[in-house]
Amino acid sequence: MLSTEAQMRYLIQWFHEWSDLQRSDFLPIMAEKYTNKAYVNGIVNSIANVNCREKPMSLFECRVKLFKEWFGQWSTEQKENFLKQISEIDTSFAEKLNGELRNGVSSEAHETNGDAVLED
């Protein structure tokens, strides 16, 4: 099993490689983990993944799956460190994420993709 430091190094490297679209797809996933709220689209996607898939997961989906698995094993300090590193890489992403963490679904996200937040 990888150390937490190694897990974070992988995730930071992957974040560097992701396109703006992939980063925007990752935003609600990350917000969900930090706020313990579930996004409607996330729930639908989770249910869809239970069924047999006709095609293998994309590399991006595999990396998101690993993030979800690893995140739950991190300490609060490690989670804060990861958030800080991501914020230093992409300030625009960090601003959007901070909006999500403060207010739930941001008005911009609500207007563009209609994701709604459900309390656990």
PDB file of N, CA and C in Angstrom:
ATOM      1  N   MET A   1       0.845  -1.188   0.000  1.00  0.00           N
ATOM      2  CA  MET A   1       0.000   0.000   0.000  1.00  0.00           C
ATOM      3  C   MET A   1       0.889   1.249   0.000  1.00  0.00           C
ATOM      4  N   LEU A   2       0.463   2.232  -0.738  1.00  0.00           N
ATOM      5  CA  LEU A   2       1.211   3.487  -0.836  1.00  0.00           C
ATOM      6  C   LEU A   2       1.072   4.312   0.436  1.00  0.00           C
ATOM      7  N   SER A   3       2.117   5.036   0.770  1.00  0.00           N
ATOM      8  CA  SER A   3       2.032   5.971   1.888  1.00  0.00           C
ATOM      9  C   SER A   3       1.107   7.127   1.494  1.00  0.00           C
ATOM     10  N   THR A   4       0.614   7.827   2.488  1.00  0.00           N
ATOM     11  CA  THR A   4      -0.239   8.986   2.223  1.00  0.00           C
ATOM     12  C   THR A   4       0.504  10.026   1.397  1.00  0.00           C
ATOM     13  N   GLU A   5       1.778  10.217   1.697  1.00  0.00           N
ATOM     14  CA  GLU A   5       2.578  11.190   0.946  1.00  0.00           C
ATOM     15  C   GLU A   5       2.653  10.801  -0.530  1.00  0.00           C
ATOM     16  N   ALA A   6       2.848   9.510  -0.798  1.00  0.00           N
ATOM     17  CA  ALA A   6       2.903   9.033  -2.185  1.00  0.00           C
ATOM     18  C   ALA A   6       1.550   9.215  -2.871  1.00  0.00           C
ATOM     19  N   GLN A   7       0.469   8.926  -2.157  1.00  0.00           N
ATOM     20  CA  GLN A   7      -0.872   9.115  -2.711  1.00  0.00           C
ATOM     21  C   GLN A   7      -1.073  10.570  -3.121  1.00  0.00           C
ATOM     22  N   MET A   8      -0.693  11.488  -2.244  1.00  0.00           N
ATOM     23  CA  MET A   8      -0.860  12.911  -2.543  1.00  0.00           C
ATOM     24  C   MET A   8       0.014  13.333  -3.717  1.00  0.00           C
ATOM     25  N   ARG A   9       1.233  12.812  -3.793  1.00  0.00           N
ATOM     26  CA  ARG A   9       2.106  13.146  -4.926  1.00  0.00           C
ATOM     27  C   ARG A   9       1.463  12.716  -6.236  1.00  0.00           C
ATOM     28  N   TYR A  10       0.898  11.508  -6.259  1.00  0.00           N
ATOM     29  CA  TYR A  10       0.206  11.047  -7.467  1.00  0.00           C
ATOM     30  C   TYR A  10      -0.949  11.979  -7.814  1.00  0.00           C
ATOM     31  N   LEU A  11      -1.779  12.280  -6.838  1.00  0.00           N
ATOM     32  CA  LEU A  11      -2.955  13.118  -7.096  1.00  0.00           C
ATOM     33  C   LEU A  11      -2.575  14.515  -7.565  1.00  0.00           C
ATOM     34  N   ILE A  12      -1.537  15.082  -6.980  1.00  0.00           N
ATOM     35  CA  ILE A  12      -1.077  16.406  -7.400  1.00  0.00           C
ATOM     36  C   ILE A  12      -0.565  16.342  -8.834  1.00  0.00           C
ATOM     37  N   GLN A  13       0.183  15.303  -9.164  1.00  0.00           N
ATOM     38  CA  GLN A  13       0.685  15.140 -10.533  1.00  0.00           C
ATOM     39  C   GLN A  13      -0.478  15.001 -11.512  1.00  0.00           C
ATOM     40  N   TRP A  14      -1.458  14.197 -11.157  1.00  0.00           N
ATOM     41  CA  TRP A  14      -2.617  14.000 -12.030  1.00  0.00           C
ATOM     42  C   TRP A  14      -3.371  15.312 -12.208  1.00  0.00           C
ATOM     43  N   PHE A  15      -3.527  16.064 -11.120  1.00  0.00           N
ATOM     44  CA  PHE A  15      -4.227  17.348 -11.200  1.00  0.00           C
ATOM     45  C   PHE A  15      -3.515  18.272 -12.188  1.00  0.00           C
ATOM     46  N   HIS A  16      -2.190  18.269 -12.162  1.00  0.00           N
ATOM     47  CA  HIS A  16      -1.406  19.062 -13.127  1.00  0.00           C
ATOM     48  C   HIS A  16      -1.737  18.650 -14.558  1.00  0.00           C
ATOM     49  N   GLU A  17      -1.960  17.368 -14.790  1.00  0.00           N
ATOM     50  CA  GLU A  17      -2.190  16.832 -16.137  1.00  0.00           C
ATOM     51  C   GLU A  17      -3.614  17.052 -16.629  1.00  0.00           C
ATOM     52  N   TRP A  18      -4.557  17.231 -15.718  1.00  0.00           N
ATOM     53  CA  TRP A  18      -5.959  17.318 -16.111  1.00  0.00           C
ATOM     54  C   TRP A  18      -6.263  18.596 -16.876  1.00  0.00           C
ATOM     55  N   SER A  19      -7.183  18.464 -17.825  1.00  0.00           N
ATOM     56  CA  SER A  19      -7.685  19.619 -18.574  1.00  0.00           C
ATOM     57  C   SER A  19      -8.619  20.432 -17.674  1.00  0.00           C
ATOM     58  N   ASP A  20      -8.985  21.615 -18.130  1.00  0.00           N
ATOM     59  CA  ASP A  20      -9.941  22.439 -17.381  1.00  0.00           C
ATOM     60  C   ASP A  20     -11.265  21.703 -17.196  1.00  0.00           C
ATOM     61  N   LEU A  21     -11.689  20.975 -18.217  1.00  0.00           N
ATOM     62  CA  LEU A  21     -12.941  20.219 -18.130  1.00  0.00           C
ATOM     63  C   LEU A  21     -12.849  19.125 -17.068  1.00  0.00           C
ATOM     64  N   GLN A  22     -11.735  18.413 -17.044  1.00  0.00           N
ATOM     65  CA  GLN A  22     -11.563  17.371 -16.032  1.00  0.00           C
ATOM     66  C   GLN A  22     -11.506  17.982 -14.638  1.00  0.00           C
ATOM     67  N   ARG A  23     -10.856  19.118 -14.515  1.00  0.00           N
ATOM     68  CA  ARG A  23     -10.812  19.790 -13.214  1.00  0.00           C
ATOM     69  C   ARG A  23     -12.213  20.214 -12.779  1.00  0.00           C
ATOM     70  N   SER A  24     -13.019  20.690 -13.720  1.00  0.00           N
ATOM     71  CA  SER A  24     -14.389  21.083 -13.365  1.00  0.00           C
ATOM     72  C   SER A  24     -15.218  19.858 -12.987  1.00  0.00           C
ATOM     73  N   ASP A  25     -14.928  18.708 -13.586  1.00  0.00           N
ATOM     74  CA  ASP A  25     -15.600  17.467 -13.193  1.00  0.00           C
ATOM     75  C   ASP A  25     -15.151  17.008 -11.805  1.00  0.00           C
ATOM     76  N   PHE A  26     -13.904  17.294 -11.466  1.00  0.00           N
ATOM     77  CA  PHE A  26     -13.347  16.896 -10.173  1.00  0.00           C
ATOM     78  C   PHE A  26     -13.836  17.799  -9.038  1.00  0.00           C
ATOM     79  N   LEU A  27     -14.188  19.031  -9.360  1.00  0.00           N
ATOM     80  CA  LEU A  27     -14.593  20.013  -8.346  1.00  0.00           C
ATOM     81  C   LEU A  27     -15.721  19.506  -7.440  1.00  0.00           C
ATOM     82  N   PRO A  28     -16.864  19.052  -7.972  1.00  0.00           N
ATOM     83  CA  PRO A  28     -17.929  18.598  -7.065  1.00  0.00           C
ATOM     84  C   PRO A  28     -17.544  17.344  -6.285  1.00  0.00           C
ATOM     85  N   ILE A  29     -16.670  16.521  -6.850  1.00  0.00           N
ATOM     86  CA  ILE A  29     -16.217  15.315  -6.153  1.00  0.00           C
ATOM     87  C   ILE A  29     -15.389  15.716  -4.939  1.00  0.00           C
ATOM     88  N   MET A  30     -14.498  16.659  -5.154  1.00  0.00           N
ATOM     89  CA  MET A  30     -13.658  17.139  -4.063  1.00  0.00           C
ATOM     90  C   MET A  30     -14.502  17.866  -3.020  1.00  0.00           C
ATOM     91  N   ALA A  31     -15.430  18.702  -3.464  1.00  0.00           N
ATOM     92  CA  ALA A  31     -16.311  19.422  -2.534  1.00  0.00           C
ATOM     93  C   ALA A  31     -17.134  18.445  -1.710  1.00  0.00           C
ATOM     94  N   GLU A  32     -17.605  17.388  -2.343  1.00  0.00           N
ATOM     95  CA  GLU A  32     -18.392  16.375  -1.638  1.00  0.00           C
ATOM     96  C   GLU A  32     -17.572  15.748  -0.517  1.00  0.00           C
ATOM     97  N   LYS A  33     -16.318  15.451  -0.790  1.00  0.00           N
ATOM     98  CA  LYS A  33     -15.460  14.827   0.217  1.00  0.00           C
ATOM     99  C   LYS A  33     -15.177  15.771   1.384  1.00  0.00           C
ATOM    100  N   TYR A  34     -14.981  17.046   1.088  1.00  0.00           N
ATOM    101  CA  TYR A  34     -14.645  18.001   2.142  1.00  0.00           C
ATOM    102  C   TYR A  34     -15.862  18.474   2.923  1.00  0.00           C
ATOM    103  N   THR A  35     -17.069  18.348   2.381  1.00  0.00           N
ATOM    104  CA  THR A  35     -18.271  18.818   3.076  1.00  0.00           C
ATOM    105  C   THR A  35     -19.177  17.693   3.546  1.00  0.00           C
ATOM    106  N   ASN A  36     -18.889  16.467   3.139  1.00  0.00           N
ATOM    107  CA  ASN A  36     -19.737  15.320   3.465  1.00  0.00           C
ATOM    108  C   ASN A  36     -21.158  15.486   2.937  1.00  0.00           C
ATOM    109  N   LYS A  37     -21.279  16.120   1.764  1.00  0.00           N
ATOM    110  CA  LYS A  37     -22.568  16.248   1.085  1.00  0.00           C
ATOM    111  C   LYS A  37     -22.481  15.482  -0.223  1.00  0.00           C
ATOM    112  N   ALA A  38     -23.608  14.972  -0.670  1.00  0.00           N
ATOM    113  CA  ALA A  38     -23.636  14.212  -1.918  1.00  0.00           C
ATOM    114  C   ALA A  38     -24.314  15.023  -3.007  1.00  0.00           C
ATOM    115  N   TYR A  39     -23.713  15.061  -4.163  1.00  0.00           N
ATOM    116  CA  TYR A  39     -24.295  15.734  -5.316  1.00  0.00           C
ATOM    117  C   TYR A  39     -25.211  14.756  -6.039  1.00  0.00           C
ATOM    118  N   VAL A  40     -26.344  15.261  -6.520  1.00  0.00           N
ATOM    119  CA  VAL A  40     -27.305  14.405  -7.214  1.00  0.00           C
ATOM    120  C   VAL A  40     -26.631  13.651  -8.352  1.00  0.00           C
ATOM    121  N   ASN A  41     -25.875  14.356  -9.196  1.00  0.00           N
ATOM    122  CA  ASN A  41     -25.217  13.669 -10.307  1.00  0.00           C
ATOM    123  C   ASN A  41     -24.234  12.631  -9.803  1.00  0.00           C
ATOM    124  N   GLY A  42     -23.584  12.887  -8.690  1.00  0.00           N
ATOM    125  CA  GLY A  42     -22.670  11.912  -8.115  1.00  0.00           C
ATOM    126  C   GLY A  42     -23.385  10.651  -7.690  1.00  0.00           C
ATOM    127  N   ILE A  43     -24.588  10.816  -7.121  1.00  0.00           N
ATOM    128  CA  ILE A  43     -25.368   9.652  -6.714  1.00  0.00           C
ATOM    129  C   ILE A  43     -25.799   8.862  -7.937  1.00  0.00           C
ATOM    130  N   VAL A  44     -26.304   9.548  -8.934  1.00  0.00           N
ATOM    131  CA  VAL A  44     -26.735   8.873 -10.158  1.00  0.00           C
ATOM    132  C   VAL A  44     -25.563   8.131 -10.789  1.00  0.00           C
ATOM    133  N   ASN A  45     -24.408   8.785 -10.847  1.00  0.00           N
ATOM    134  CA  ASN A  45     -23.235   8.149 -11.431  1.00  0.00           C
ATOM    135  C   ASN A  45     -22.799   6.943 -10.616  1.00  0.00           C
ATOM    136  N   SER A  46     -22.901   7.019  -9.291  1.00  0.00           N
ATOM    137  CA  SER A  46     -22.527   5.885  -8.451  1.00  0.00           C
ATOM    138  C   SER A  46     -23.448   4.704  -8.698  1.00  0.00           C
ATOM    139  N   ILE A  47     -24.730   4.984  -8.832  1.00  0.00           N
ATOM    140  CA  ILE A  47     -25.685   3.911  -9.104  1.00  0.00           C
ATOM    141  C   ILE A  47     -25.415   3.305 -10.472  1.00  0.00           C
ATOM    142  N   ALA A  48     -25.126   4.134 -11.450  1.00  0.00           N
ATOM    143  CA  ALA A  48     -24.842   3.644 -12.799  1.00  0.00           C
ATOM    144  C   ALA A  48     -23.616   2.746 -12.809  1.00  0.00           C
ATOM    145  N   ASN A  49     -22.646   3.045 -11.964  1.00  0.00           N
ATOM    146  CA  ASN A  49     -21.423   2.252 -11.933  1.00  0.00           C
ATOM    147  C   ASN A  49     -21.620   0.889 -11.294  1.00  0.00           C
ATOM    148  N   VAL A  50     -22.731   0.702 -10.557  1.00  0.00           N
ATOM    149  CA  VAL A  50     -23.008  -0.592  -9.956  1.00  0.00           C
ATOM    150  C   VAL A  50     -23.323  -1.614 -11.048  1.00  0.00           C
ATOM    151  N   ASN A  51     -24.006  -1.185 -12.080  1.00  0.00           N
ATOM    152  CA  ASN A  51     -24.348  -2.077 -13.187  1.00  0.00           C
ATOM    153  C   ASN A  51     -23.100  -2.429 -13.979  1.00  0.00           C
ATOM    154  N   CYS A  52     -23.183  -3.508 -14.731  1.00  0.00           N
ATOM    155  CA  CYS A  52     -22.048  -3.906 -15.565  1.00  0.00           C
ATOM    156  C   CYS A  52     -21.779  -2.825 -16.597  1.00  0.00           C
ATOM    157  N   ARG A  53     -20.541  -2.488 -16.749  1.00  0.00           N
ATOM    158  CA  ARG A  53     -20.150  -1.465 -17.711  1.00  0.00           C
ATOM    159  C   ARG A  53     -19.814  -2.136 -19.025  1.00  0.00           C
ATOM    160  N   GLU A  54     -20.213  -1.479 -20.096  1.00  0.00           N
ATOM    161  CA  GLU A  54     -19.901  -1.999 -21.421  1.00  0.00           C
ATOM    162  C   GLU A  54     -18.474  -1.676 -21.826  1.00  0.00           C
ATOM    163  N   LYS A  55     -17.918  -0.630 -21.255  1.00  0.00           N
ATOM    164  CA  LYS A  55     -16.548  -0.255 -21.586  1.00  0.00           C
ATOM    165  C   LYS A  55     -15.774  -0.022 -20.295  1.00  0.00           C
ATOM    166  N   PRO A  56     -14.473  -0.170 -20.346  1.00  0.00           N
ATOM    167  CA  PRO A  56     -13.675   0.047 -19.132  1.00  0.00           C
ATOM    168  C   PRO A  56     -13.684   1.510 -18.707  1.00  0.00           C
ATOM    169  N   MET A  57     -13.360   1.730 -17.438  1.00  0.00           N
ATOM    170  CA  MET A  57     -13.285   3.099 -16.938  1.00  0.00           C
ATOM    171  C   MET A  57     -12.164   3.841 -17.653  1.00  0.00           C
ATOM    172  N   SER A  58     -12.357   5.137 -17.817  1.00  0.00           N
ATOM    173  CA  SER A  58     -11.298   5.975 -18.386  1.00  0.00           C
ATOM    174  C   SER A  58     -10.201   6.146 -17.337  1.00  0.00           C
ATOM    175  N   LEU A  59      -9.061   6.619 -17.781  1.00  0.00           N
ATOM    176  CA  LEU A  59      -7.959   6.890 -16.857  1.00  0.00           C
ATOM    177  C   LEU A  59      -8.394   7.914 -15.809  1.00  0.00           C
ATOM    178  N   PHE A  60      -9.124   8.939 -16.244  1.00  0.00           N
ATOM    179  CA  PHE A  60      -9.621   9.956 -15.316  1.00  0.00           C
ATOM    180  C   PHE A  60     -10.528   9.320 -14.262  1.00  0.00           C
ATOM    181  N   GLU A  61     -11.446   8.458 -14.678  1.00  0.00           N
ATOM    182  CA  GLU A  61     -12.356   7.799 -13.735  1.00  0.00           C
ATOM    183  C   GLU A  61     -11.590   6.932 -12.738  1.00  0.00           C
ATOM    184  N   CYS A  62     -10.561   6.249 -13.205  1.00  0.00           N
ATOM    185  CA  CYS A  62      -9.734   5.432 -12.312  1.00  0.00           C
ATOM    186  C   CYS A  62      -9.045   6.300 -11.267  1.00  0.00           C
ATOM    187  N   ARG A  63      -8.544   7.439 -11.699  1.00  0.00           N
ATOM    188  CA  ARG A  63      -7.850   8.334 -10.777  1.00  0.00           C
ATOM    189  C   ARG A  63      -8.811   8.933  -9.756  1.00  0.00           C
ATOM    190  N   VAL A  64     -10.017   9.266 -10.181  1.00  0.00           N
ATOM    191  CA  VAL A  64     -11.024   9.788  -9.256  1.00  0.00           C
ATOM    192  C   VAL A  64     -11.403   8.704  -8.250  1.00  0.00           C
ATOM    193  N   LYS A  65     -11.523   7.480  -8.719  1.00  0.00           N
ATOM    194  CA  LYS A  65     -11.836   6.352  -7.834  1.00  0.00           C
ATOM    195  C   LYS A  65     -10.754   6.205  -6.763  1.00  0.00           C
ATOM    196  N   LEU A  66      -9.502   6.305  -7.169  1.00  0.00           N
ATOM    197  CA  LEU A  66      -8.405   6.225  -6.200  1.00  0.00           C
ATOM    198  C   LEU A  66      -8.461   7.386  -5.215  1.00  0.00           C
ATOM    199  N   PHE A  67      -8.745   8.595  -5.697  1.00  0.00           N
ATOM    200  CA  PHE A  67      -8.880   9.746  -4.799  1.00  0.00           C
ATOM    201  C   PHE A  67      -9.927   9.457  -3.728  1.00  0.00           C
ATOM    202  N   LYS A  68     -11.086   8.960  -4.143  1.00  0.00           N
ATOM    203  CA  LYS A  68     -12.168   8.680  -3.198  1.00  0.00           C
ATOM    204  C   LYS A  68     -11.745   7.635  -2.169  1.00  0.00           C
ATOM    205  N   GLU A  69     -11.026   6.611  -2.613  1.00  0.00           N
ATOM    206  CA  GLU A  69     -10.571   5.561  -1.698  1.00  0.00           C
ATOM    207  C   GLU A  69      -9.517   6.089  -0.727  1.00  0.00           C
ATOM    208  N   TRP A  70      -8.560   6.837  -1.246  1.00  0.00           N
ATOM    209  CA  TRP A  70      -7.455   7.318  -0.426  1.00  0.00           C
ATOM    210  C   TRP A  70      -7.884   8.403   0.551  1.00  0.00           C
ATOM    211  N   PHE A  71      -8.751   9.305   0.121  1.00  0.00           N
ATOM    212  CA  PHE A  71      -9.131  10.474   0.917  1.00  0.00           C
ATOM    213  C   PHE A  71      -9.647  10.074   2.296  1.00  0.00           C
ATOM    214  N   GLY A  72     -10.436   9.026   2.352  1.00  0.00           N
ATOM    215  CA  GLY A  72     -11.019   8.579   3.613  1.00  0.00           C
ATOM    216  C   GLY A  72     -10.001   8.088   4.625  1.00  0.00           C
ATOM    217  N   GLN A  73      -8.803   7.790   4.176  1.00  0.00           N
ATOM    218  CA  GLN A  73      -7.758   7.276   5.068  1.00  0.00           C
ATOM    219  C   GLN A  73      -6.845   8.382   5.593  1.00  0.00           C
ATOM    220  N   TRP A  74      -6.995   9.597   5.078  1.00  0.00           N
ATOM    221  CA  TRP A  74      -6.109  10.697   5.457  1.00  0.00           C
ATOM    222  C   TRP A  74      -6.559  11.356   6.756  1.00  0.00           C
ATOM    223  N   SER A  75      -5.591  11.896   7.481  1.00  0.00           N
ATOM    224  CA  SER A  75      -5.893  12.682   8.677  1.00  0.00           C
ATOM    225  C   SER A  75      -6.407  14.063   8.249  1.00  0.00           C
ATOM    226  N   THR A  76      -6.973  14.786   9.192  1.00  0.00           N
ATOM    227  CA  THR A  76      -7.455  16.141   8.910  1.00  0.00           C
ATOM    228  C   THR A  76      -6.312  17.022   8.417  1.00  0.00           C
ATOM    229  N   GLU A  77      -5.154  16.897   9.037  1.00  0.00           N
ATOM    230  CA  GLU A  77      -3.991  17.693   8.628  1.00  0.00           C
ATOM    231  C   GLU A  77      -3.576  17.363   7.194  1.00  0.00           C
ATOM    232  N   GLN A  78      -3.597  16.099   6.837  1.00  0.00           N
ATOM    233  CA  GLN A  78      -3.235  15.691   5.473  1.00  0.00           C
ATOM    234  C   GLN A  78      -4.248  16.220   4.460  1.00  0.00           C
ATOM    235  N   LYS A  79      -5.526  16.187   4.820  1.00  0.00           N
ATOM    236  CA  LYS A  79      -6.565  16.718   3.936  1.00  0.00           C
ATOM    237  C   LYS A  79      -6.374  18.217   3.722  1.00  0.00           C
ATOM    238  N   GLU A  80      -6.045  18.934   4.788  1.00  0.00           N
ATOM    239  CA  GLU A  80      -5.806  20.377   4.675  1.00  0.00           C
ATOM    240  C   GLU A  80      -4.575  20.656   3.816  1.00  0.00           C
ATOM    241  N   ASN A  81      -3.541  19.841   3.963  1.00  0.00           N
ATOM    242  CA  ASN A  81      -2.325  19.990   3.167  1.00  0.00           C
ATOM    243  C   ASN A  81      -2.613  19.765   1.683  1.00  0.00           C
ATOM    244  N   PHE A  82      -3.413  18.748   1.376  1.00  0.00           N
ATOM    245  CA  PHE A  82      -3.777  18.467  -0.013  1.00  0.00           C
ATOM    246  C   PHE A  82      -4.556  19.641  -0.598  1.00  0.00           C
ATOM    247  N   LEU A  83      -5.503  20.150   0.155  1.00  0.00           N
ATOM    248  CA  LEU A  83      -6.306  21.293  -0.289  1.00  0.00           C
ATOM    249  C   LEU A  83      -5.416  22.509  -0.549  1.00  0.00           C
ATOM    250  N   LYS A  84      -4.450  22.737   0.314  1.00  0.00           N
ATOM    251  CA  LYS A  84      -3.520  23.857   0.143  1.00  0.00           C
ATOM    252  C   LYS A  84      -2.703  23.691  -1.139  1.00  0.00           C
ATOM    253  N   GLN A  85      -2.209  22.484  -1.387  1.00  0.00           N
ATOM    254  CA  GLN A  85      -1.403  22.246  -2.588  1.00  0.00           C
ATOM    255  C   GLN A  85      -2.222  22.458  -3.862  1.00  0.00           C
ATOM    256  N   ILE A  86      -3.447  21.958  -3.876  1.00  0.00           N
ATOM    257  CA  ILE A  86      -4.327  22.139  -5.039  1.00  0.00           C
ATOM    258  C   ILE A  86      -4.597  23.632  -5.249  1.00  0.00           C
ATOM    259  N   SER A  87      -4.825  24.353  -4.153  1.00  0.00           N
ATOM    260  CA  SER A  87      -5.110  25.789  -4.236  1.00  0.00           C
ATOM    261  C   SER A  87      -3.937  26.571  -4.809  1.00  0.00           C
ATOM    262  N   GLU A  88      -2.721  26.141  -4.499  1.00  0.00           N
ATOM    263  CA  GLU A  88      -1.528  26.813  -5.017  1.00  0.00           C
ATOM    264  C   GLU A  88      -1.330  26.550  -6.507  1.00  0.00           C
ATOM    265  N   ILE A  89      -1.796  25.410  -6.989  1.00  0.00           N
ATOM    266  CA  ILE A  89      -1.640  25.049  -8.402  1.00  0.00           C
ATOM    267  C   ILE A  89      -2.605  25.838  -9.280  1.00  0.00           C
ATOM    268  N   ASP A  90      -3.876  25.926  -8.849  1.00  0.00           N
ATOM    269  CA  ASP A  90      -4.925  26.536  -9.673  1.00  0.00           C
ATOM    270  C   ASP A  90      -5.797  27.426  -8.790  1.00  0.00           C
ATOM    271  N   THR A  91      -5.509  28.719  -8.788  1.00  0.00           N
ATOM    272  CA  THR A  91      -6.245  29.640  -7.920  1.00  0.00           C
ATOM    273  C   THR A  91      -7.713  29.771  -8.319  1.00  0.00           C
ATOM    274  N   SER A  92      -8.004  29.669  -9.605  1.00  0.00           N
ATOM    275  CA  SER A  92      -9.394  29.741 -10.065  1.00  0.00           C
ATOM    276  C   SER A  92     -10.187  28.541  -9.541  1.00  0.00           C
ATOM    277  N   PHE A  93      -9.603  27.361  -9.633  1.00  0.00           N
ATOM    278  CA  PHE A  93     -10.224  26.146  -9.099  1.00  0.00           C
ATOM    279  C   PHE A  93     -10.444  26.311  -7.596  1.00  0.00           C
ATOM    280  N   ALA A  94      -9.431  26.837  -6.909  1.00  0.00           N
ATOM    281  CA  ALA A  94      -9.515  27.023  -5.458  1.00  0.00           C
ATOM    282  C   ALA A  94     -10.647  27.973  -5.084  1.00  0.00           C
ATOM    283  N   GLU A  95     -10.817  29.052  -5.849  1.00  0.00           N
ATOM    284  CA  GLU A  95     -11.900  29.998  -5.572  1.00  0.00           C
ATOM    285  C   GLU A  95     -13.260  29.330  -5.736  1.00  0.00           C
ATOM    286  N   LYS A  96     -13.416  28.557  -6.809  1.00  0.00           N
ATOM    287  CA  LYS A  96     -14.684  27.849  -7.028  1.00  0.00           C
ATOM    288  C   LYS A  96     -14.923  26.825  -5.922  1.00  0.00           C
ATOM    289  N   LEU A  97     -13.876  26.098  -5.549  1.00  0.00           N
ATOM    290  CA  LEU A  97     -14.004  25.099  -4.492  1.00  0.00           C
ATOM    291  C   LEU A  97     -14.358  25.761  -3.163  1.00  0.00           C
ATOM    292  N   ASN A  98     -13.712  26.871  -2.848  1.00  0.00           N
ATOM    293  CA  ASN A  98     -14.029  27.587  -1.607  1.00  0.00           C
ATOM    294  C   ASN A  98     -15.485  28.041  -1.594  1.00  0.00           C
ATOM    295  N   GLY A  99     -15.992  28.471  -2.745  1.00  0.00           N
ATOM    296  CA  GLY A  99     -17.405  28.831  -2.845  1.00  0.00           C
ATOM    297  C   GLY A  99     -18.304  27.641  -2.563  1.00  0.00           C
ATOM    298  N   GLU A 100     -17.936  26.500  -3.100  1.00  0.00           N
ATOM    299  CA  GLU A 100     -18.700  25.272  -2.852  1.00  0.00           C
ATOM    300  C   GLU A 100     -18.665  24.905  -1.370  1.00  0.00           C
ATOM    301  N   LEU A 101     -17.496  25.021  -0.765  1.00  0.00           N
ATOM    302  CA  LEU A 101     -17.349  24.634   0.634  1.00  0.00           C
ATOM    303  C   LEU A 101     -18.107  25.576   1.562  1.00  0.00           C
ATOM    304  N   ARG A 102     -18.172  26.857   1.206  1.00  0.00           N
ATOM    305  CA  ARG A 102     -18.893  27.838   2.027  1.00  0.00           C
ATOM    306  C   ARG A 102     -20.398  27.763   1.825  1.00  0.00           C
ATOM    307  N   ASN A 103     -20.817  27.621   0.586  1.00  0.00           N
ATOM    308  CA  ASN A 103     -22.228  27.822   0.256  1.00  0.00           C
ATOM    309  C   ASN A 103     -22.935  26.615  -0.327  1.00  0.00           C
ATOM    310  N   GLY A 104     -22.293  25.483  -0.423  1.00  0.00           N
ATOM    311  CA  GLY A 104     -22.904  24.376  -1.141  1.00  0.00           C
ATOM    312  C   GLY A 104     -22.720  24.606  -2.616  1.00  0.00           C
ATOM    313  N   VAL A 105     -23.745  24.390  -3.407  1.00  0.00           N
ATOM    314  CA  VAL A 105     -23.646  24.571  -4.854  1.00  0.00           C
ATOM    315  C   VAL A 105     -23.576  26.049  -5.169  1.00  0.00           C
ATOM    316  N   SER A 106     -22.567  26.452  -5.909  1.00  0.00           N
ATOM    317  CA  SER A 106     -22.436  27.861  -6.286  1.00  0.00           C
ATOM    318  C   SER A 106     -23.485  28.209  -7.324  1.00  0.00           C
ATOM    319  N   SER A 107     -23.838  29.483  -7.405  1.00  0.00           N
ATOM    320  CA  SER A 107     -24.842  29.907  -8.379  1.00  0.00           C
ATOM    321  C   SER A 107     -24.362  29.643  -9.794  1.00  0.00           C
ATOM    322  N   GLU A 108     -23.053  29.788 -10.040  1.00  0.00           N
ATOM    323  CA  GLU A 108     -22.516  29.530 -11.384  1.00  0.00           C
ATOM    324  C   GLU A 108     -22.687  28.060 -11.750  1.00  0.00           C
ATOM    325  N   ALA A 109     -22.349  27.168 -10.824  1.00  0.00           N
ATOM    326  CA  ALA A 109     -22.483  25.736 -11.102  1.00  0.00           C
ATOM    327  C   ALA A 109     -23.952  25.378 -11.268  1.00  0.00           C
ATOM    328  N   HIS A 110     -24.813  26.003 -10.450  1.00  0.00           N
ATOM    329  CA  HIS A 110     -26.234  25.708 -10.529  1.00  0.00           C
ATOM    330  C   HIS A 110     -26.799  26.108 -11.888  1.00  0.00           C
ATOM    331  N   GLU A 111     -26.354  27.222 -12.399  1.00  0.00           N
ATOM    332  CA  GLU A 111     -26.855  27.694 -13.688  1.00  0.00           C
ATOM    333  C   GLU A 111     -26.337  26.850 -14.845  1.00  0.00           C
ATOM    334  N   THR A 112     -25.108  26.349 -14.743  1.00  0.00           N
ATOM    335  CA  THR A 112     -24.515  25.665 -15.891  1.00  0.00           C
ATOM    336  C   THR A 112     -24.847  24.189 -15.953  1.00  0.00           C
ATOM    337  N   ASN A 113     -24.860  23.500 -14.788  1.00  0.00           N
ATOM    338  CA  ASN A 113     -25.091  22.064 -14.889  1.00  0.00           C
ATOM    339  C   ASN A 113     -26.204  21.552 -13.994  1.00  0.00           C
ATOM    340  N   GLY A 114     -26.768  22.397 -13.172  1.00  0.00           N
ATOM    341  CA  GLY A 114     -27.939  22.015 -12.403  1.00  0.00           C
ATOM    342  C   GLY A 114     -27.692  21.012 -11.299  1.00  0.00           C
ATOM    343  N   ASP A 115     -26.441  20.776 -10.896  1.00  0.00           N
ATOM    344  CA  ASP A 115     -26.187  19.859  -9.793  1.00  0.00           C
ATOM    345  C   ASP A 115     -26.860  20.404  -8.543  1.00  0.00           C
ATOM    346  N   ALA A 116     -27.473  19.542  -7.792  1.00  0.00           N
ATOM    347  CA  ALA A 116     -28.080  19.925  -6.530  1.00  0.00           C
ATOM    348  C   ALA A 116     -27.369  19.169  -5.419  1.00  0.00           C
ATOM    349  N   VAL A 117     -27.395  19.726  -4.228  1.00  0.00           N
ATOM    350  CA  VAL A 117     -26.723  19.096  -3.103  1.00  0.00           C
ATOM    351  C   VAL A 117     -27.768  18.492  -2.185  1.00  0.00           C
ATOM    352  N   LEU A 118     -27.534  17.272  -1.762  1.00  0.00           N
ATOM    353  CA  LEU A 118     -28.388  16.596  -0.804  1.00  0.00           C
ATOM    354  C   LEU A 118     -27.606  16.413   0.481  1.00  0.00           C
ATOM    355  N   GLU A 119     -28.252  16.624   1.606  1.00  0.00           N
ATOM    356  CA  GLU A 119     -27.598  16.379   2.892  1.00  0.00           C
ATOM    357  C   GLU A 119     -27.537  14.877   3.108  1.00  0.00           C
ATOM    358  N   ASP A 120     -26.440  14.422   3.730  1.00  0.00           N
ATOM    359  CA  ASP A 120     -26.325  12.992   4.066  1.00  0.00           C
ATOM    360  C   ASP A 120     -27.270  12.649   5.179  1.00  0.00           C
TER     361      ASP A 120
END
